[in-house]
Amino acid sequence: MKYRKRIYYSESQKSLMWERWRQGATLHQIAALFDRSHTSVQGILARHGGIRPPDRRRAASALTLGEREEISRALVEGRSIRSIAARLGRAPSTVSREVKRNGGADDYRAGLADEAAWDRALRPSAASWPRTGPWRSW
């Protein structure tokens, strides 16, 4: 039996899967679009219980790409963190942490910082309550 190389579906391919699934296509029909086995599609759909997850979007409080570009330009001009923050209408600690987590004042690049922020948003969040300890009732 010949094994195929693992495939990682793009967001547009996943979107097509969800659209076909909503229209009532079978796993085999959807998989045939990508010339893959139905199990590769099943894993994606089953991960969310067969219900399409909401599209990703940023929080309203998150820095935008435009703000990151402003930070980058101001750093090149030699402006202080506080003056950049005042210009953006943000807290100085917000700007400081943004610069620090993305290479510092010398290496800060807006595009890379924006991509990194989007990627960091994917990480799993911590549980809202501890699952271990003497108070555990199960």
N, C-alpha and C. Protein backbone atom coordinates (compact mmCIF):
# COMPACT_ATOMS: atom_id res chain seq x y z
N MET A 1 0.84 -1.17 0.00
CA MET A 1 0.00 0.00 0.00
C MET A 1 0.89 1.24 0.00
N LYS A 2 0.62 2.15 -0.88
CA LYS A 2 1.40 3.37 -0.99
C LYS A 2 0.79 4.45 -0.11
N TYR A 3 1.62 5.08 0.71
CA TYR A 3 1.15 6.16 1.57
C TYR A 3 1.38 7.50 0.90
N ARG A 4 0.43 8.37 1.06
CA ARG A 4 0.56 9.72 0.52
C ARG A 4 1.20 10.64 1.54
N LYS A 5 1.81 11.68 1.05
CA LYS A 5 2.41 12.67 1.91
C LYS A 5 1.29 13.45 2.60
N ARG A 6 1.52 13.83 3.84
CA ARG A 6 0.54 14.60 4.60
C ARG A 6 0.24 15.91 3.88
N ILE A 7 -1.03 16.29 3.89
CA ILE A 7 -1.43 17.53 3.24
C ILE A 7 -1.96 18.49 4.31
N TYR A 8 -1.61 19.74 4.17
CA TYR A 8 -2.13 20.78 5.03
C TYR A 8 -3.02 21.67 4.17
N TYR A 9 -4.29 21.68 4.47
CA TYR A 9 -5.24 22.44 3.68
C TYR A 9 -5.12 23.93 3.98
N SER A 10 -5.24 24.75 2.95
CA SER A 10 -5.22 26.20 3.12
C SER A 10 -6.58 26.65 3.64
N GLU A 11 -6.64 27.90 4.06
CA GLU A 11 -7.91 28.43 4.56
C GLU A 11 -8.98 28.44 3.47
N SER A 12 -8.59 28.72 2.24
CA SER A 12 -9.58 28.72 1.15
C SER A 12 -10.09 27.30 0.87
N GLN A 13 -9.21 26.30 0.99
CA GLN A 13 -9.65 24.92 0.80
C GLN A 13 -10.60 24.50 1.92
N LYS A 14 -10.28 24.89 3.15
CA LYS A 14 -11.16 24.57 4.27
C LYS A 14 -12.51 25.25 4.10
N SER A 15 -12.48 26.48 3.62
CA SER A 15 -13.72 27.20 3.39
C SER A 15 -14.59 26.48 2.36
N LEU A 16 -13.95 25.97 1.31
CA LEU A 16 -14.67 25.21 0.29
C LEU A 16 -15.27 23.94 0.89
N MET A 17 -14.50 23.27 1.76
CA MET A 17 -15.01 22.06 2.42
C MET A 17 -16.27 22.37 3.22
N TRP A 18 -16.18 23.44 4.02
CA TRP A 18 -17.33 23.79 4.85
C TRP A 18 -18.53 24.16 4.01
N GLU A 19 -18.31 24.86 2.90
CA GLU A 19 -19.42 25.26 2.03
C GLU A 19 -20.09 24.03 1.41
N ARG A 20 -19.28 23.10 0.92
CA ARG A 20 -19.84 21.87 0.33
C ARG A 20 -20.56 21.04 1.39
N TRP A 21 -19.99 21.00 2.60
CA TRP A 21 -20.61 20.25 3.69
C TRP A 21 -21.98 20.85 4.01
N ARG A 22 -22.08 22.18 4.04
CA ARG A 22 -23.34 22.85 4.31
C ARG A 22 -24.37 22.57 3.22
N GLN A 23 -23.89 22.41 1.98
CA GLN A 23 -24.79 22.12 0.86
C GLN A 23 -25.25 20.67 0.85
N GLY A 24 -24.66 19.83 1.69
CA GLY A 24 -25.10 18.45 1.80
C GLY A 24 -24.24 17.42 1.09
N ALA A 25 -23.06 17.81 0.65
CA ALA A 25 -22.16 16.86 -0.01
C ALA A 25 -21.61 15.86 1.01
N THR A 26 -21.31 14.67 0.55
CA THR A 26 -20.74 13.65 1.43
C THR A 26 -19.24 13.87 1.58
N LEU A 27 -18.67 13.20 2.57
CA LEU A 27 -17.22 13.29 2.77
C LEU A 27 -16.47 12.81 1.53
N HIS A 28 -16.96 11.76 0.90
CA HIS A 28 -16.30 11.22 -0.29
C HIS A 28 -16.35 12.23 -1.44
N GLN A 29 -17.46 12.91 -1.60
CA GLN A 29 -17.58 13.91 -2.67
C GLN A 29 -16.65 15.10 -2.42
N ILE A 30 -16.57 15.53 -1.18
CA ILE A 30 -15.70 16.65 -0.85
C ILE A 30 -14.24 16.25 -1.03
N ALA A 31 -13.89 15.07 -0.58
CA ALA A 31 -12.51 14.59 -0.70
C ALA A 31 -12.10 14.44 -2.16
N ALA A 32 -13.03 14.08 -3.01
CA ALA A 32 -12.72 13.91 -4.43
C ALA A 32 -12.28 15.23 -5.07
N LEU A 33 -12.76 16.35 -4.54
CA LEU A 33 -12.34 17.66 -5.05
C LEU A 33 -10.84 17.88 -4.89
N PHE A 34 -10.27 17.28 -3.84
CA PHE A 34 -8.86 17.47 -3.52
C PHE A 34 -8.02 16.24 -3.85
N ASP A 35 -8.67 15.22 -4.44
CA ASP A 35 -8.00 13.96 -4.75
C ASP A 35 -7.37 13.35 -3.51
N ARG A 36 -8.15 13.32 -2.42
CA ARG A 36 -7.69 12.78 -1.16
C ARG A 36 -8.72 11.79 -0.62
N SER A 37 -8.33 11.13 0.45
CA SER A 37 -9.22 10.20 1.12
C SER A 37 -10.25 10.98 1.95
N HIS A 38 -11.41 10.36 2.14
CA HIS A 38 -12.46 11.04 2.91
C HIS A 38 -12.04 11.28 4.36
N THR A 39 -11.11 10.50 4.86
CA THR A 39 -10.69 10.67 6.25
C THR A 39 -9.92 11.97 6.48
N SER A 40 -9.26 12.47 5.44
CA SER A 40 -8.56 13.74 5.61
C SER A 40 -9.56 14.89 5.76
N VAL A 41 -10.69 14.79 5.12
CA VAL A 41 -11.73 15.81 5.25
C VAL A 41 -12.49 15.61 6.56
N GLN A 42 -12.70 14.37 6.92
CA GLN A 42 -13.44 14.05 8.13
C GLN A 42 -12.76 14.66 9.36
N GLY A 43 -11.43 14.61 9.40
CA GLY A 43 -10.70 15.16 10.53
C GLY A 43 -10.95 16.65 10.72
N ILE A 44 -11.03 17.36 9.63
CA ILE A 44 -11.26 18.81 9.71
C ILE A 44 -12.68 19.12 10.14
N LEU A 45 -13.63 18.42 9.58
CA LEU A 45 -15.03 18.68 9.91
C LEU A 45 -15.38 18.18 11.31
N ALA A 46 -14.83 17.05 11.70
CA ALA A 46 -15.15 16.47 13.01
C ALA A 46 -14.54 17.28 14.15
N ARG A 47 -13.45 17.97 13.89
CA ARG A 47 -12.79 18.76 14.93
C ARG A 47 -13.74 19.80 15.52
N HIS A 48 -14.69 20.24 14.73
CA HIS A 48 -15.65 21.25 15.18
C HIS A 48 -17.07 20.69 15.26
N GLY A 49 -17.18 19.38 15.29
CA GLY A 49 -18.49 18.76 15.44
C GLY A 49 -19.40 18.93 14.24
N GLY A 50 -18.82 19.17 13.06
CA GLY A 50 -19.62 19.34 11.86
C GLY A 50 -20.25 20.72 11.73
N ILE A 51 -19.90 21.62 12.65
CA ILE A 51 -20.44 22.99 12.61
C ILE A 51 -19.30 23.93 12.29
N ARG A 52 -19.46 24.71 11.25
CA ARG A 52 -18.40 25.61 10.80
C ARG A 52 -18.03 26.60 11.91
N PRO A 53 -16.73 26.70 12.24
CA PRO A 53 -16.32 27.65 13.27
C PRO A 53 -16.43 29.08 12.74
N PRO A 54 -16.57 30.05 13.62
CA PRO A 54 -16.65 31.44 13.16
C PRO A 54 -15.32 31.87 12.55
N ASP A 55 -15.37 32.79 11.61
CA ASP A 55 -14.15 33.31 10.99
C ASP A 55 -13.33 34.04 12.04
N ARG A 56 -12.02 33.94 11.90
CA ARG A 56 -11.14 34.62 12.82
C ARG A 56 -11.19 36.12 12.57
N ARG A 57 -11.17 36.88 13.64
CA ARG A 57 -11.07 38.32 13.52
C ARG A 57 -10.38 38.84 14.76
N ARG A 58 -9.83 40.01 14.64
CA ARG A 58 -9.08 40.58 15.74
C ARG A 58 -10.00 41.31 16.71
N ALA A 59 -9.53 41.37 17.94
CA ALA A 59 -10.26 42.12 18.96
C ALA A 59 -10.19 43.61 18.61
N ALA A 60 -11.19 44.34 19.01
CA ALA A 60 -11.22 45.78 18.73
C ALA A 60 -10.08 46.50 19.43
N SER A 61 -9.62 45.95 20.55
CA SER A 61 -8.56 46.61 21.31
C SER A 61 -7.15 46.28 20.79
N ALA A 62 -7.04 45.35 19.86
CA ALA A 62 -5.73 44.95 19.34
C ALA A 62 -5.17 46.04 18.42
N LEU A 63 -3.84 46.14 18.40
CA LEU A 63 -3.19 47.09 17.51
C LEU A 63 -3.46 46.70 16.06
N THR A 64 -3.68 47.69 15.23
CA THR A 64 -3.90 47.43 13.81
C THR A 64 -2.58 47.50 13.06
N LEU A 65 -2.58 47.05 11.82
CA LEU A 65 -1.37 47.13 11.00
C LEU A 65 -0.95 48.59 10.82
N GLY A 66 -1.90 49.48 10.64
CA GLY A 66 -1.58 50.90 10.50
C GLY A 66 -0.89 51.46 11.73
N GLU A 67 -1.38 51.06 12.91
CA GLU A 67 -0.73 51.52 14.15
C GLU A 67 0.68 50.94 14.27
N ARG A 68 0.84 49.69 13.87
CA ARG A 68 2.17 49.09 13.92
C ARG A 68 3.12 49.79 12.95
N GLU A 69 2.64 50.17 11.78
CA GLU A 69 3.47 50.90 10.83
C GLU A 69 3.85 52.27 11.39
N GLU A 70 2.93 52.90 12.09
CA GLU A 70 3.22 54.20 12.73
C GLU A 70 4.30 54.03 13.80
N ILE A 71 4.21 52.96 14.57
CA ILE A 71 5.23 52.67 15.57
C ILE A 71 6.58 52.48 14.90
N SER A 72 6.60 51.71 13.83
CA SER A 72 7.84 51.44 13.12
C SER A 72 8.48 52.73 12.59
N ARG A 73 7.68 53.58 11.96
CA ARG A 73 8.20 54.85 11.42
C ARG A 73 8.72 55.75 12.53
N ALA A 74 7.98 55.81 13.64
CA ALA A 74 8.39 56.67 14.76
C ALA A 74 9.68 56.17 15.40
N LEU A 75 9.85 54.86 15.47
CA LEU A 75 11.09 54.32 16.03
C LEU A 75 12.29 54.67 15.15
N VAL A 76 12.09 54.64 13.84
CA VAL A 76 13.16 55.01 12.92
C VAL A 76 13.52 56.49 13.09
N GLU A 77 12.51 57.33 13.34
CA GLU A 77 12.74 58.75 13.57
C GLU A 77 13.41 59.03 14.90
N GLY A 78 13.43 58.03 15.80
CA GLY A 78 14.06 58.19 17.10
C GLY A 78 13.12 58.73 18.17
N ARG A 79 11.83 58.63 17.97
CA ARG A 79 10.87 59.12 18.96
C ARG A 79 10.82 58.19 20.17
N SER A 80 10.38 58.73 21.28
CA SER A 80 10.27 57.95 22.52
C SER A 80 8.99 57.12 22.50
N ILE A 81 8.96 56.10 23.34
CA ILE A 81 7.78 55.23 23.46
C ILE A 81 6.58 56.05 23.90
N ARG A 82 6.78 56.96 24.84
CA ARG A 82 5.67 57.77 25.35
C ARG A 82 5.10 58.70 24.27
N SER A 83 5.95 59.27 23.45
CA SER A 83 5.45 60.15 22.39
C SER A 83 4.70 59.36 21.32
N ILE A 84 5.19 58.15 21.03
CA ILE A 84 4.49 57.28 20.07
C ILE A 84 3.12 56.91 20.61
N ALA A 85 3.08 56.54 21.90
CA ALA A 85 1.82 56.15 22.53
C ALA A 85 0.82 57.31 22.53
N ALA A 86 1.30 58.50 22.83
CA ALA A 86 0.42 59.67 22.85
C ALA A 86 -0.14 59.94 21.45
N ARG A 87 0.69 59.78 20.46
CA ARG A 87 0.26 60.02 19.08
C ARG A 87 -0.81 59.01 18.64
N LEU A 88 -0.67 57.76 19.12
CA LEU A 88 -1.63 56.71 18.77
C LEU A 88 -2.87 56.69 19.67
N GLY A 89 -2.77 57.37 20.80
CA GLY A 89 -3.88 57.33 21.76
C GLY A 89 -3.90 56.01 22.50
N ARG A 90 -2.75 55.43 22.71
CA ARG A 90 -2.60 54.16 23.43
C ARG A 90 -1.77 54.36 24.68
N ALA A 91 -1.82 53.40 25.58
CA ALA A 91 -1.01 53.45 26.78
C ALA A 91 0.46 53.20 26.42
N PRO A 92 1.38 53.87 27.08
CA PRO A 92 2.80 53.63 26.80
C PRO A 92 3.21 52.17 27.01
N SER A 93 2.58 51.50 27.98
CA SER A 93 2.92 50.10 28.24
C SER A 93 2.52 49.22 27.06
N THR A 94 1.45 49.55 26.37
CA THR A 94 1.01 48.80 25.19
C THR A 94 2.06 48.88 24.10
N VAL A 95 2.53 50.08 23.83
CA VAL A 95 3.53 50.28 22.78
C VAL A 95 4.85 49.63 23.19
N SER A 96 5.23 49.80 24.45
CA SER A 96 6.48 49.22 24.94
C SER A 96 6.49 47.70 24.81
N ARG A 97 5.40 47.06 25.23
CA ARG A 97 5.33 45.59 25.12
C ARG A 97 5.32 45.14 23.67
N GLU A 98 4.63 45.88 22.81
CA GLU A 98 4.60 45.55 21.39
C GLU A 98 6.00 45.57 20.79
N VAL A 99 6.75 46.61 21.10
CA VAL A 99 8.11 46.74 20.57
C VAL A 99 9.01 45.65 21.15
N LYS A 100 8.90 45.42 22.44
CA LYS A 100 9.77 44.45 23.11
C LYS A 100 9.52 43.03 22.61
N ARG A 101 8.27 42.66 22.39
CA ARG A 101 7.98 41.28 21.98
C ARG A 101 8.27 41.04 20.50
N ASN A 102 8.57 42.10 19.76
CA ASN A 102 8.82 41.96 18.32
C ASN A 102 10.20 42.45 17.91
N GLY A 103 11.21 42.19 18.71
CA GLY A 103 12.59 42.43 18.32
C GLY A 103 13.23 43.68 18.87
N GLY A 104 12.52 44.50 19.62
CA GLY A 104 13.11 45.71 20.18
C GLY A 104 13.08 46.87 19.19
N ALA A 105 13.52 48.01 19.66
CA ALA A 105 13.44 49.24 18.86
C ALA A 105 14.28 49.16 17.59
N ASP A 106 15.41 48.46 17.64
CA ASP A 106 16.29 48.40 16.47
C ASP A 106 15.78 47.46 15.38
N ASP A 107 15.08 46.40 15.76
CA ASP A 107 14.67 45.37 14.80
C ASP A 107 13.16 45.31 14.54
N TYR A 108 12.41 46.26 15.06
CA TYR A 108 10.95 46.22 14.92
C TYR A 108 10.54 46.44 13.46
N ARG A 109 9.71 45.53 12.94
CA ARG A 109 9.15 45.65 11.59
C ARG A 109 7.65 45.42 11.69
N ALA A 110 6.87 46.35 11.18
CA ALA A 110 5.42 46.32 11.34
C ALA A 110 4.79 45.08 10.73
N GLY A 111 5.18 44.72 9.51
CA GLY A 111 4.58 43.56 8.85
C GLY A 111 4.85 42.27 9.59
N LEU A 112 6.08 42.09 10.03
CA LEU A 112 6.43 40.88 10.78
C LEU A 112 5.72 40.85 12.13
N ALA A 113 5.62 42.01 12.77
CA ALA A 113 4.94 42.09 14.06
C ALA A 113 3.46 41.76 13.92
N ASP A 114 2.85 42.21 12.83
CA ASP A 114 1.44 41.93 12.60
C ASP A 114 1.20 40.44 12.37
N GLU A 115 2.06 39.81 11.57
CA GLU A 115 1.95 38.37 11.33
C GLU A 115 2.15 37.59 12.62
N ALA A 116 3.15 38.00 13.42
CA ALA A 116 3.43 37.32 14.67
C ALA A 116 2.25 37.43 15.64
N ALA A 117 1.62 38.59 15.68
CA ALA A 117 0.46 38.78 16.56
C ALA A 117 -0.68 37.87 16.15
N TRP A 118 -0.90 37.76 14.85
CA TRP A 118 -1.96 36.89 14.33
C TRP A 118 -1.68 35.43 14.68
N ASP A 119 -0.41 35.03 14.57
CA ASP A 119 -0.02 33.66 14.90
C ASP A 119 -0.13 33.41 16.41
N ARG A 120 0.29 34.37 17.21
CA ARG A 120 0.21 34.20 18.67
C ARG A 120 -1.23 34.07 19.14
N ALA A 121 -2.15 34.67 18.42
CA ALA A 121 -3.56 34.59 18.80
C ALA A 121 -4.12 33.17 18.66
N LEU A 122 -3.44 32.30 17.94
CA LEU A 122 -3.90 30.92 17.76
C LEU A 122 -3.61 30.04 18.96
N ARG A 123 -2.68 30.44 19.80
CA ARG A 123 -2.28 29.56 20.89
C ARG A 123 -3.46 29.26 21.79
N PRO A 124 -3.46 28.09 22.42
CA PRO A 124 -4.57 27.77 23.31
C PRO A 124 -4.55 28.67 24.54
N SER A 125 -5.70 29.08 24.99
CA SER A 125 -5.77 29.90 26.18
C SER A 125 -5.79 29.01 27.41
N ALA A 126 -5.38 29.56 28.54
CA ALA A 126 -5.34 28.79 29.78
C ALA A 126 -6.76 28.48 30.25
N ALA A 127 -6.89 27.40 30.99
CA ALA A 127 -8.20 27.03 31.53
C ALA A 127 -8.65 28.11 32.50
N SER A 128 -9.94 28.34 32.58
CA SER A 128 -10.46 29.39 33.45
C SER A 128 -10.44 28.99 34.92
N TRP A 129 -10.29 27.71 35.19
CA TRP A 129 -10.21 27.26 36.57
C TRP A 129 -9.29 26.04 36.62
N PRO A 130 -8.62 25.81 37.73
CA PRO A 130 -7.71 24.65 37.82
C PRO A 130 -8.47 23.34 37.83
N ARG A 131 -7.91 22.36 37.18
CA ARG A 131 -8.55 21.05 37.10
C ARG A 131 -7.98 20.06 38.10
N THR A 132 -7.03 20.48 38.87
CA THR A 132 -6.43 19.59 39.86
C THR A 132 -6.46 20.26 41.22
N GLY A 133 -6.22 19.48 42.26
CA GLY A 133 -6.15 20.02 43.61
C GLY A 133 -7.11 19.29 44.54
N PRO A 134 -6.98 19.55 45.82
CA PRO A 134 -7.80 18.83 46.81
C PRO A 134 -9.29 19.19 46.73
N TRP A 135 -9.63 20.32 46.12
CA TRP A 135 -11.03 20.75 46.01
C TRP A 135 -11.77 20.07 44.87
N ARG A 136 -11.03 19.27 44.09
CA ARG A 136 -11.63 18.59 42.95
C ARG A 136 -12.71 17.63 43.44
N SER A 137 -13.90 17.71 42.87
CA SER A 137 -15.01 16.89 43.36
C SER A 137 -15.28 15.66 42.54
N TRP A 138 -14.55 15.41 41.50
CA TRP A 138 -14.84 14.23 40.69
C TRP A 138 -13.84 13.17 40.84
